[in-house]
């Protein structure tokens, strides 16, 4: 929603996020005096933008708010939570990031998608990692995964069959001479 508001008027975003009350000014005695109604235009625009960007259930949450700032704060707590909730989410996602591994029978694409979901969630909560940290993390986990897999050039393990299955073991055939029992390794 921030991007939507900034695209319409960058100053309105500042009004929504930074100004807690209706427009006012201080007189020579230091008392706060409300500005005339004709100067409320920016707050009204900001409120209109927020209302246009939300659905009816969200509207019910913010319809009683007086200022755009109050609307914004209520929506922010609703969707992002309090600072304690944010810290808990960050903690959980950092744990997921640190414990990230490639699952058995998982292809690289789905592993990377899972990893990026964690990274994107962390970025939305203002916790970022550098590209080099992320690349190192992926490569370390992928390297460990490959170490557990059969390496190229090793003889395959004997295959054990269960009852009812064919007991014939598939023979290895050399690509160059087409004879069985061996293969050419580099």
N, C-alpha and C. Protein backbone atom coordinates (compact mmCIF):
# COMPACT_ATOMS: atom_id res chain seq x y z
N UNK A 1 0.82 -1.18 0.00
CA UNK A 1 0.00 0.00 0.00
C UNK A 1 0.87 1.25 0.00
N UNK A 2 2.04 1.17 0.62
CA UNK A 2 2.94 2.32 0.67
C UNK A 2 3.31 2.78 -0.74
N UNK A 3 3.60 1.83 -1.61
CA UNK A 3 3.97 2.17 -2.98
C UNK A 3 2.80 2.85 -3.70
N UNK A 4 1.59 2.34 -3.48
CA UNK A 4 0.41 2.94 -4.09
C UNK A 4 0.26 4.39 -3.66
N UNK A 5 0.41 4.65 -2.37
CA UNK A 5 0.26 6.01 -1.85
C UNK A 5 1.36 6.91 -2.39
N UNK A 6 2.59 6.43 -2.40
CA UNK A 6 3.70 7.23 -2.90
C UNK A 6 3.53 7.54 -4.38
N UNK A 7 2.94 6.62 -5.13
CA UNK A 7 2.76 6.87 -6.56
C UNK A 7 1.78 8.00 -6.82
N UNK A 8 0.83 8.18 -5.92
CA UNK A 8 -0.13 9.27 -6.10
C UNK A 8 0.42 10.60 -5.63
N UNK A 9 1.04 10.59 -4.48
CA UNK A 9 1.61 11.83 -3.93
C UNK A 9 2.56 11.44 -2.81
N UNK A 10 3.83 11.67 -3.02
CA UNK A 10 4.84 11.26 -2.06
C UNK A 10 4.65 11.93 -0.70
N UNK A 11 4.18 13.16 -0.69
CA UNK A 11 3.97 13.87 0.57
C UNK A 11 2.83 13.28 1.38
N UNK A 12 1.86 12.67 0.71
CA UNK A 12 0.75 12.05 1.44
C UNK A 12 1.23 10.88 2.28
N UNK A 13 2.19 10.14 1.80
CA UNK A 13 2.75 9.03 2.56
C UNK A 13 3.36 9.54 3.86
N UNK A 14 4.07 10.67 3.78
CA UNK A 14 4.64 11.26 4.99
C UNK A 14 3.55 11.69 5.95
N UNK A 15 2.48 12.26 5.42
CA UNK A 15 1.36 12.69 6.25
C UNK A 15 0.73 11.50 6.96
N UNK A 16 0.56 10.41 6.25
CA UNK A 16 -0.08 9.22 6.82
C UNK A 16 0.80 8.61 7.90
N UNK A 17 2.06 8.45 7.62
CA UNK A 17 2.94 7.73 8.52
C UNK A 17 3.45 8.60 9.66
N UNK A 18 3.66 9.89 9.43
CA UNK A 18 4.33 10.72 10.41
C UNK A 18 3.43 11.65 11.22
N UNK A 19 2.30 12.04 10.70
CA UNK A 19 1.46 13.04 11.39
C UNK A 19 0.38 12.32 12.19
N UNK A 20 0.43 12.40 13.54
CA UNK A 20 -0.53 11.65 14.35
C UNK A 20 -1.89 12.33 14.51
N UNK A 21 -1.99 13.63 14.30
CA UNK A 21 -3.24 14.35 14.58
C UNK A 21 -3.68 15.15 13.37
N UNK A 22 -4.83 15.76 13.53
CA UNK A 22 -5.32 16.66 12.49
C UNK A 22 -4.39 17.86 12.37
N UNK A 23 -4.35 18.48 11.21
CA UNK A 23 -3.45 19.62 11.03
C UNK A 23 -3.73 20.73 12.04
N UNK A 24 -2.66 21.26 12.62
CA UNK A 24 -2.78 22.36 13.56
C UNK A 24 -1.49 23.17 13.53
N UNK A 25 -1.55 24.32 14.21
CA UNK A 25 -0.33 25.13 14.33
C UNK A 25 -0.29 25.70 15.73
N UNK A 26 0.86 26.19 16.12
CA UNK A 26 1.03 26.75 17.47
C UNK A 26 0.97 28.28 17.39
N UNK A 27 0.25 28.85 18.32
CA UNK A 27 0.21 30.31 18.38
C UNK A 27 1.39 30.83 19.19
N UNK A 28 1.41 32.17 19.42
CA UNK A 28 2.54 32.77 20.13
C UNK A 28 2.66 32.30 21.58
N UNK A 29 1.57 31.78 22.16
CA UNK A 29 1.60 31.27 23.52
C UNK A 29 2.01 29.79 23.57
N UNK A 30 2.20 29.17 22.41
CA UNK A 30 2.58 27.76 22.35
C UNK A 30 1.41 26.81 22.37
N UNK A 31 0.19 27.34 22.28
CA UNK A 31 -0.99 26.49 22.28
C UNK A 31 -1.25 25.97 20.87
N UNK A 32 -1.73 24.74 20.79
CA UNK A 32 -2.05 24.13 19.50
C UNK A 32 -3.43 24.59 19.05
N UNK A 33 -3.48 25.18 17.87
CA UNK A 33 -4.73 25.67 17.31
C UNK A 33 -4.97 24.93 16.00
N UNK A 34 -6.17 24.32 15.86
CA UNK A 34 -6.45 23.60 14.61
C UNK A 34 -6.40 24.54 13.40
N UNK A 35 -5.89 24.01 12.30
CA UNK A 35 -5.87 24.79 11.06
C UNK A 35 -7.29 24.88 10.51
N UNK A 36 -7.55 25.88 9.70
CA UNK A 36 -8.89 25.99 9.10
C UNK A 36 -9.22 24.76 8.24
N UNK A 37 -10.51 24.47 8.12
CA UNK A 37 -10.96 23.29 7.40
C UNK A 37 -10.46 23.23 5.96
N UNK A 38 -10.28 24.34 5.32
CA UNK A 38 -9.84 24.30 3.92
C UNK A 38 -8.40 23.79 3.79
N UNK A 39 -7.67 23.66 4.89
CA UNK A 39 -6.31 23.12 4.83
C UNK A 39 -6.28 21.62 5.14
N UNK A 40 -7.43 20.99 5.37
CA UNK A 40 -7.49 19.56 5.66
C UNK A 40 -7.41 18.70 4.39
N UNK A 41 -7.24 19.31 3.30
CA UNK A 41 -7.29 18.62 2.02
C UNK A 41 -6.33 17.41 1.97
N UNK A 42 -5.10 17.58 2.43
CA UNK A 42 -4.14 16.48 2.34
C UNK A 42 -4.56 15.29 3.20
N UNK A 43 -5.06 15.53 4.41
CA UNK A 43 -5.51 14.43 5.26
C UNK A 43 -6.70 13.72 4.61
N UNK A 44 -7.60 14.49 4.02
CA UNK A 44 -8.76 13.88 3.34
C UNK A 44 -8.32 13.04 2.16
N UNK A 45 -7.36 13.54 1.38
CA UNK A 45 -6.84 12.77 0.25
C UNK A 45 -6.20 11.47 0.73
N UNK A 46 -5.42 11.58 1.78
CA UNK A 46 -4.73 10.40 2.31
C UNK A 46 -5.74 9.37 2.83
N UNK A 47 -6.76 9.81 3.52
CA UNK A 47 -7.80 8.91 4.01
C UNK A 47 -8.52 8.25 2.83
N UNK A 48 -8.80 9.03 1.80
CA UNK A 48 -9.48 8.50 0.61
C UNK A 48 -8.63 7.42 -0.06
N UNK A 49 -7.34 7.66 -0.16
CA UNK A 49 -6.45 6.67 -0.78
C UNK A 49 -6.47 5.37 0.02
N UNK A 50 -6.40 5.48 1.33
CA UNK A 50 -6.42 4.27 2.17
C UNK A 50 -7.73 3.52 2.00
N UNK A 51 -8.83 4.25 2.03
CA UNK A 51 -10.15 3.61 1.91
C UNK A 51 -10.30 2.94 0.55
N UNK A 52 -9.77 3.54 -0.50
CA UNK A 52 -9.86 2.94 -1.83
C UNK A 52 -9.01 1.67 -1.95
N UNK A 53 -8.01 1.56 -1.13
CA UNK A 53 -7.09 0.42 -1.23
C UNK A 53 -7.46 -0.76 -0.35
N UNK A 54 -8.50 -0.64 0.47
CA UNK A 54 -8.84 -1.72 1.39
C UNK A 54 -10.20 -2.31 1.06
N UNK A 55 -10.46 -3.51 1.60
CA UNK A 55 -11.76 -4.14 1.37
C UNK A 55 -12.74 -3.75 2.48
N UNK A 56 -13.96 -4.27 2.43
CA UNK A 56 -15.01 -3.84 3.36
C UNK A 56 -14.72 -4.22 4.80
N UNK A 57 -14.13 -5.39 5.05
CA UNK A 57 -13.84 -5.76 6.45
C UNK A 57 -12.74 -4.87 7.03
N UNK A 58 -11.77 -4.50 6.21
CA UNK A 58 -10.73 -3.58 6.67
C UNK A 58 -11.33 -2.19 6.89
N UNK A 59 -12.27 -1.80 6.03
CA UNK A 59 -12.92 -0.50 6.18
C UNK A 59 -13.63 -0.41 7.53
N UNK A 60 -14.26 -1.50 7.94
CA UNK A 60 -14.94 -1.51 9.23
C UNK A 60 -13.96 -1.28 10.38
N UNK A 61 -12.73 -1.70 10.22
CA UNK A 61 -11.72 -1.50 11.26
C UNK A 61 -11.30 -0.03 11.38
N UNK A 62 -11.26 0.68 10.24
CA UNK A 62 -10.69 2.03 10.24
C UNK A 62 -11.71 3.14 10.03
N UNK A 63 -12.98 2.80 9.86
CA UNK A 63 -13.97 3.84 9.54
C UNK A 63 -14.16 4.85 10.66
N UNK A 64 -13.87 4.49 11.88
CA UNK A 64 -14.04 5.43 12.99
C UNK A 64 -12.81 6.29 13.24
N UNK A 65 -11.75 6.09 12.49
CA UNK A 65 -10.52 6.86 12.69
C UNK A 65 -10.69 8.28 12.17
N UNK A 66 -10.08 9.22 12.88
CA UNK A 66 -10.20 10.63 12.53
C UNK A 66 -9.16 11.05 11.50
N UNK A 67 -7.95 10.54 11.63
CA UNK A 67 -6.88 10.95 10.71
C UNK A 67 -6.35 9.76 9.91
N UNK A 68 -5.67 10.09 8.83
CA UNK A 68 -5.04 9.06 8.00
C UNK A 68 -3.97 8.32 8.79
N UNK A 69 -3.27 9.02 9.66
CA UNK A 69 -2.24 8.41 10.50
C UNK A 69 -2.85 7.35 11.41
N UNK A 70 -3.98 7.66 12.02
CA UNK A 70 -4.66 6.71 12.89
C UNK A 70 -5.10 5.48 12.11
N UNK A 71 -5.62 5.69 10.88
CA UNK A 71 -6.01 4.57 10.02
C UNK A 71 -4.79 3.69 9.71
N UNK A 72 -3.72 4.33 9.34
CA UNK A 72 -2.49 3.62 8.98
C UNK A 72 -1.99 2.79 10.16
N UNK A 73 -1.95 3.38 11.33
CA UNK A 73 -1.46 2.67 12.52
C UNK A 73 -2.32 1.45 12.83
N UNK A 74 -3.63 1.60 12.70
CA UNK A 74 -4.52 0.48 12.99
C UNK A 74 -4.32 -0.65 11.98
N UNK A 75 -4.18 -0.31 10.71
CA UNK A 75 -3.94 -1.33 9.69
C UNK A 75 -2.56 -1.98 9.88
N UNK A 76 -1.59 -1.19 10.26
CA UNK A 76 -0.24 -1.69 10.47
C UNK A 76 -0.21 -2.73 11.60
N UNK A 77 -0.86 -2.43 12.71
CA UNK A 77 -0.91 -3.37 13.83
C UNK A 77 -1.68 -4.62 13.42
N UNK A 78 -2.75 -4.45 12.65
CA UNK A 78 -3.56 -5.59 12.22
C UNK A 78 -2.75 -6.56 11.35
N UNK A 79 -1.99 -6.03 10.41
CA UNK A 79 -1.33 -6.91 9.44
C UNK A 79 0.13 -7.20 9.76
N UNK A 80 0.82 -6.29 10.38
CA UNK A 80 2.22 -6.54 10.70
C UNK A 80 2.41 -6.93 12.15
N UNK A 81 1.47 -6.61 13.00
CA UNK A 81 1.56 -6.93 14.40
C UNK A 81 2.36 -5.89 15.16
N UNK A 82 2.44 -6.09 16.45
CA UNK A 82 3.22 -5.19 17.30
C UNK A 82 4.70 -5.53 17.14
N UNK A 83 5.55 -4.75 17.79
CA UNK A 83 6.98 -5.02 17.71
C UNK A 83 7.32 -6.39 18.26
N UNK A 84 6.63 -6.84 19.29
CA UNK A 84 6.88 -8.17 19.84
C UNK A 84 6.54 -9.25 18.83
N UNK A 85 5.44 -9.09 18.11
CA UNK A 85 5.05 -10.06 17.10
C UNK A 85 6.07 -10.07 15.97
N UNK A 86 6.50 -8.88 15.54
CA UNK A 86 7.51 -8.80 14.48
C UNK A 86 8.79 -9.51 14.89
N UNK A 87 9.25 -9.27 16.12
CA UNK A 87 10.47 -9.91 16.60
C UNK A 87 10.33 -11.43 16.64
N UNK A 88 9.16 -11.91 17.04
CA UNK A 88 8.92 -13.35 17.08
C UNK A 88 8.94 -13.94 15.67
N UNK A 89 8.32 -13.23 14.72
CA UNK A 89 8.33 -13.71 13.32
C UNK A 89 9.74 -13.72 12.77
N UNK A 90 10.50 -12.66 13.04
CA UNK A 90 11.89 -12.59 12.57
C UNK A 90 12.70 -13.73 13.17
N UNK A 91 12.53 -13.97 14.45
CA UNK A 91 13.26 -15.04 15.12
C UNK A 91 12.96 -16.40 14.50
N UNK A 92 11.69 -16.65 14.22
CA UNK A 92 11.29 -17.92 13.62
C UNK A 92 11.86 -18.06 12.21
N UNK A 93 11.81 -16.99 11.43
CA UNK A 93 12.32 -17.05 10.06
C UNK A 93 13.83 -17.16 10.02
N UNK A 94 14.52 -16.49 10.94
CA UNK A 94 15.99 -16.62 11.01
C UNK A 94 16.35 -18.05 11.36
N UNK A 95 15.60 -18.67 12.25
CA UNK A 95 15.83 -20.08 12.57
C UNK A 95 15.64 -20.95 11.33
N UNK A 96 14.56 -20.70 10.57
CA UNK A 96 14.32 -21.44 9.33
C UNK A 96 15.48 -21.25 8.35
N UNK A 97 15.98 -20.02 8.27
CA UNK A 97 17.11 -19.71 7.38
C UNK A 97 18.36 -20.48 7.82
N UNK A 98 18.65 -20.44 9.11
CA UNK A 98 19.87 -21.09 9.60
C UNK A 98 19.80 -22.61 9.50
N UNK A 99 18.62 -23.18 9.64
CA UNK A 99 18.46 -24.64 9.60
C UNK A 99 18.09 -25.14 8.21
N UNK A 100 18.11 -24.29 7.22
CA UNK A 100 17.69 -24.64 5.87
C UNK A 100 18.56 -25.75 5.30
N UNK A 101 17.93 -26.78 4.77
CA UNK A 101 18.63 -27.85 4.06
C UNK A 101 17.80 -28.28 2.87
N UNK A 102 18.46 -28.95 1.95
CA UNK A 102 17.75 -29.50 0.80
C UNK A 102 17.15 -30.83 1.20
N UNK A 103 15.86 -31.01 0.99
CA UNK A 103 15.16 -32.23 1.37
C UNK A 103 15.47 -33.36 0.41
N UNK A 104 15.30 -34.58 0.88
CA UNK A 104 15.45 -35.74 0.01
C UNK A 104 14.43 -35.66 -1.12
N UNK A 105 14.82 -36.08 -2.29
CA UNK A 105 13.96 -36.10 -3.48
C UNK A 105 13.39 -34.73 -3.82
N UNK A 106 14.10 -33.68 -3.45
CA UNK A 106 13.68 -32.32 -3.79
C UNK A 106 14.58 -31.82 -4.92
N UNK A 107 13.97 -31.26 -5.94
CA UNK A 107 14.79 -30.72 -7.02
C UNK A 107 15.30 -29.33 -6.65
N UNK A 108 16.24 -28.85 -7.42
CA UNK A 108 16.89 -27.58 -7.12
C UNK A 108 15.89 -26.43 -7.19
N UNK A 109 15.00 -26.49 -8.15
CA UNK A 109 14.03 -25.41 -8.32
C UNK A 109 13.13 -25.26 -7.09
N UNK A 110 12.61 -26.35 -6.59
CA UNK A 110 11.73 -26.26 -5.42
C UNK A 110 12.52 -25.88 -4.16
N UNK A 111 13.78 -26.34 -4.07
CA UNK A 111 14.62 -25.94 -2.94
C UNK A 111 14.84 -24.43 -2.97
N UNK A 112 15.15 -23.90 -4.14
CA UNK A 112 15.40 -22.47 -4.27
C UNK A 112 14.14 -21.66 -3.99
N UNK A 113 12.99 -22.16 -4.42
CA UNK A 113 11.72 -21.48 -4.16
C UNK A 113 11.45 -21.42 -2.66
N UNK A 114 11.67 -22.54 -1.96
CA UNK A 114 11.51 -22.55 -0.50
C UNK A 114 12.45 -21.56 0.17
N UNK A 115 13.69 -21.53 -0.29
CA UNK A 115 14.69 -20.62 0.27
C UNK A 115 14.29 -19.17 0.04
N UNK A 116 13.85 -18.83 -1.16
CA UNK A 116 13.47 -17.46 -1.47
C UNK A 116 12.21 -17.03 -0.71
N UNK A 117 11.31 -17.96 -0.41
CA UNK A 117 10.15 -17.63 0.41
C UNK A 117 10.58 -17.19 1.81
N UNK A 118 11.58 -17.86 2.36
CA UNK A 118 12.11 -17.47 3.67
C UNK A 118 12.76 -16.10 3.58
N UNK A 119 13.60 -15.89 2.55
CA UNK A 119 14.31 -14.62 2.38
C UNK A 119 13.34 -13.47 2.18
N UNK A 120 12.32 -13.66 1.34
CA UNK A 120 11.34 -12.59 1.09
C UNK A 120 10.55 -12.25 2.34
N UNK A 121 10.19 -13.25 3.13
CA UNK A 121 9.48 -12.98 4.38
C UNK A 121 10.36 -12.19 5.34
N UNK A 122 11.64 -12.53 5.40
CA UNK A 122 12.57 -11.79 6.25
C UNK A 122 12.73 -10.35 5.77
N UNK A 123 12.82 -10.16 4.46
CA UNK A 123 12.97 -8.80 3.92
C UNK A 123 11.74 -7.95 4.20
N UNK A 124 10.56 -8.55 4.18
CA UNK A 124 9.35 -7.78 4.47
C UNK A 124 9.32 -7.32 5.93
N UNK A 125 10.10 -7.98 6.78
CA UNK A 125 10.20 -7.59 8.19
C UNK A 125 11.49 -6.83 8.47
N UNK A 126 12.13 -6.33 7.42
CA UNK A 126 13.34 -5.50 7.50
C UNK A 126 14.57 -6.26 8.01
N UNK A 127 14.61 -7.56 7.80
CA UNK A 127 15.80 -8.35 8.11
C UNK A 127 16.36 -8.82 6.78
N UNK A 128 17.56 -8.36 6.44
CA UNK A 128 18.13 -8.69 5.14
C UNK A 128 19.47 -9.39 5.28
N UNK A 129 19.78 -10.17 4.28
CA UNK A 129 21.08 -10.82 4.13
C UNK A 129 21.67 -10.34 2.81
N UNK A 130 23.00 -10.29 2.75
CA UNK A 130 23.63 -9.88 1.50
C UNK A 130 23.52 -11.02 0.50
N UNK A 131 23.69 -10.69 -0.76
CA UNK A 131 23.64 -11.71 -1.80
C UNK A 131 24.72 -12.76 -1.58
N UNK A 132 25.91 -12.33 -1.17
CA UNK A 132 26.99 -13.29 -0.97
C UNK A 132 26.66 -14.25 0.18
N UNK A 133 26.01 -13.76 1.24
CA UNK A 133 25.61 -14.65 2.34
C UNK A 133 24.60 -15.69 1.86
N UNK A 134 23.64 -15.24 1.05
CA UNK A 134 22.62 -16.16 0.56
C UNK A 134 23.21 -17.20 -0.38
N UNK A 135 24.11 -16.77 -1.27
CA UNK A 135 24.74 -17.70 -2.21
C UNK A 135 25.57 -18.73 -1.45
N UNK A 136 26.35 -18.28 -0.47
CA UNK A 136 27.15 -19.22 0.33
C UNK A 136 26.26 -20.22 1.06
N UNK A 137 25.15 -19.75 1.58
CA UNK A 137 24.23 -20.63 2.30
C UNK A 137 23.69 -21.72 1.37
N UNK A 138 23.22 -21.32 0.20
CA UNK A 138 22.67 -22.29 -0.76
C UNK A 138 23.75 -23.28 -1.20
N UNK A 139 24.92 -22.77 -1.53
CA UNK A 139 25.98 -23.66 -2.00
C UNK A 139 26.43 -24.64 -0.92
N UNK A 140 26.52 -24.20 0.33
CA UNK A 140 26.91 -25.10 1.41
C UNK A 140 25.89 -26.22 1.57
N UNK A 141 24.63 -25.88 1.55
CA UNK A 141 23.58 -26.88 1.74
C UNK A 141 23.50 -27.82 0.54
N UNK A 142 23.69 -27.28 -0.65
CA UNK A 142 23.67 -28.10 -1.84
C UNK A 142 24.87 -29.04 -1.86
N UNK A 143 26.03 -28.55 -1.44
CA UNK A 143 27.24 -29.35 -1.39
C UNK A 143 27.08 -30.51 -0.42
N UNK A 144 26.50 -30.27 0.74
CA UNK A 144 26.24 -31.34 1.71
C UNK A 144 25.29 -32.37 1.13
N UNK A 145 24.29 -31.89 0.40
CA UNK A 145 23.33 -32.79 -0.21
C UNK A 145 24.02 -33.68 -1.24
N UNK A 146 24.86 -33.09 -2.06
CA UNK A 146 25.57 -33.87 -3.07
C UNK A 146 26.54 -34.87 -2.45
N UNK A 147 27.14 -34.51 -1.34
CA UNK A 147 28.07 -35.42 -0.67
C UNK A 147 27.34 -36.68 -0.20
N UNK A 148 26.10 -36.57 0.14
CA UNK A 148 25.33 -37.73 0.58
C UNK A 148 24.84 -38.58 -0.59
N UNK A 149 24.84 -38.03 -1.77
CA UNK A 149 24.40 -38.76 -2.95
C UNK A 149 25.56 -39.53 -3.56
N UNK A 150 25.22 -40.46 -4.40
CA UNK A 150 26.22 -41.26 -5.08
C UNK A 150 27.03 -40.37 -6.02
N UNK A 151 28.34 -40.45 -5.93
CA UNK A 151 29.20 -39.63 -6.77
C UNK A 151 29.34 -40.26 -8.16
N UNK A 152 29.55 -39.44 -9.16
CA UNK A 152 29.72 -39.91 -10.53
C UNK A 152 31.01 -40.72 -10.62
N UNK A 153 30.94 -41.87 -11.26
CA UNK A 153 32.12 -42.69 -11.44
C UNK A 153 32.24 -43.80 -10.42
N UNK A 154 31.45 -43.81 -9.36
CA UNK A 154 31.50 -44.89 -8.38
C UNK A 154 30.66 -46.04 -8.88
N UNK A 155 31.05 -47.27 -8.49
CA UNK A 155 30.25 -48.43 -8.86
C UNK A 155 28.95 -48.39 -8.07
N UNK A 156 27.86 -48.68 -8.70
CA UNK A 156 26.59 -48.64 -7.98
C UNK A 156 26.52 -49.76 -6.96
N UNK A 157 25.77 -49.52 -5.88
CA UNK A 157 25.55 -50.54 -4.87
C UNK A 157 24.67 -51.64 -5.43
N UNK A 158 24.84 -52.86 -4.89
CA UNK A 158 23.98 -53.96 -5.33
C UNK A 158 22.55 -53.64 -4.93
N UNK A 159 21.66 -53.99 -5.81
CA UNK A 159 20.26 -53.70 -5.59
C UNK A 159 19.61 -54.92 -4.94
N UNK A 160 18.93 -54.73 -3.83
CA UNK A 160 18.24 -55.81 -3.16
C UNK A 160 16.77 -55.74 -3.52
N UNK A 161 16.22 -56.88 -3.90
CA UNK A 161 14.84 -56.92 -4.35
C UNK A 161 13.97 -57.54 -3.28
N UNK A 162 12.73 -57.11 -3.22
CA UNK A 162 11.78 -57.70 -2.30
C UNK A 162 11.11 -58.88 -2.97
N UNK A 163 10.39 -59.66 -2.19
CA UNK A 163 9.70 -60.83 -2.73
C UNK A 163 8.77 -60.40 -3.85
N UNK A 164 8.71 -61.22 -4.87
CA UNK A 164 7.82 -60.95 -5.98
C UNK A 164 8.46 -60.11 -7.06
N UNK A 165 9.58 -59.46 -6.78
CA UNK A 165 10.26 -58.66 -7.80
C UNK A 165 11.28 -59.52 -8.52
N UNK A 166 11.65 -59.09 -9.66
CA UNK A 166 12.68 -59.79 -10.43
C UNK A 166 13.99 -59.72 -9.67
N UNK A 167 14.71 -60.82 -9.60
CA UNK A 167 15.98 -60.84 -8.88
C UNK A 167 17.15 -60.54 -9.79
N UNK A 168 16.87 -60.31 -11.05
CA UNK A 168 17.93 -60.00 -12.00
C UNK A 168 18.48 -58.59 -11.72
N UNK A 169 19.79 -58.48 -11.51
CA UNK A 169 20.43 -57.20 -11.27
C UNK A 169 20.81 -56.61 -12.62
N UNK A 170 20.46 -55.35 -12.81
CA UNK A 170 20.77 -54.69 -14.07
C UNK A 170 22.28 -54.60 -14.22
N UNK A 171 22.77 -55.02 -15.36
CA UNK A 171 24.21 -55.01 -15.59
C UNK A 171 24.65 -53.68 -16.15
N UNK A 172 25.89 -53.33 -15.80
CA UNK A 172 26.48 -52.10 -16.30
C UNK A 172 27.12 -52.40 -17.65
N UNK A 173 26.88 -51.55 -18.63
CA UNK A 173 27.43 -51.75 -19.97
C UNK A 173 28.30 -50.55 -20.32
N UNK A 174 29.48 -50.83 -20.81
CA UNK A 174 30.43 -49.78 -21.20
C UNK A 174 29.91 -49.08 -22.45
N UNK A 175 30.01 -47.77 -22.46
CA UNK A 175 29.52 -46.99 -23.58
C UNK A 175 30.42 -47.17 -24.81
N UNK A 176 31.73 -47.31 -24.60
CA UNK A 176 32.65 -47.39 -25.74
C UNK A 176 32.67 -48.76 -26.39
N UNK A 177 32.82 -49.84 -25.59
CA UNK A 177 32.97 -51.17 -26.19
C UNK A 177 31.70 -52.01 -26.14
N UNK A 178 30.66 -51.53 -25.52
CA UNK A 178 29.38 -52.22 -25.39
C UNK A 178 29.48 -53.58 -24.71
N UNK A 179 30.50 -53.79 -23.86
CA UNK A 179 30.62 -55.02 -23.09
C UNK A 179 30.12 -54.75 -21.69
N UNK A 180 29.59 -55.81 -21.06
CA UNK A 180 29.03 -55.63 -19.73
C UNK A 180 30.09 -55.84 -18.65
N UNK A 181 29.80 -55.40 -17.45
CA UNK A 181 30.64 -55.64 -16.30
C UNK A 181 31.62 -54.50 -15.97
N UNK A 182 31.75 -53.53 -16.82
CA UNK A 182 32.63 -52.40 -16.51
C UNK A 182 32.12 -51.14 -17.22
N UNK A 183 32.72 -50.06 -16.86
CA UNK A 183 32.42 -48.80 -17.53
C UNK A 183 33.67 -47.97 -17.54
N UNK A 184 33.73 -47.05 -18.44
CA UNK A 184 34.91 -46.20 -18.55
C UNK A 184 34.73 -45.00 -17.65
N UNK A 185 35.74 -44.75 -16.82
CA UNK A 185 35.69 -43.55 -15.99
C UNK A 185 36.75 -42.59 -16.47
N UNK A 186 36.51 -41.31 -16.33
CA UNK A 186 37.46 -40.30 -16.80
C UNK A 186 38.70 -40.26 -15.97
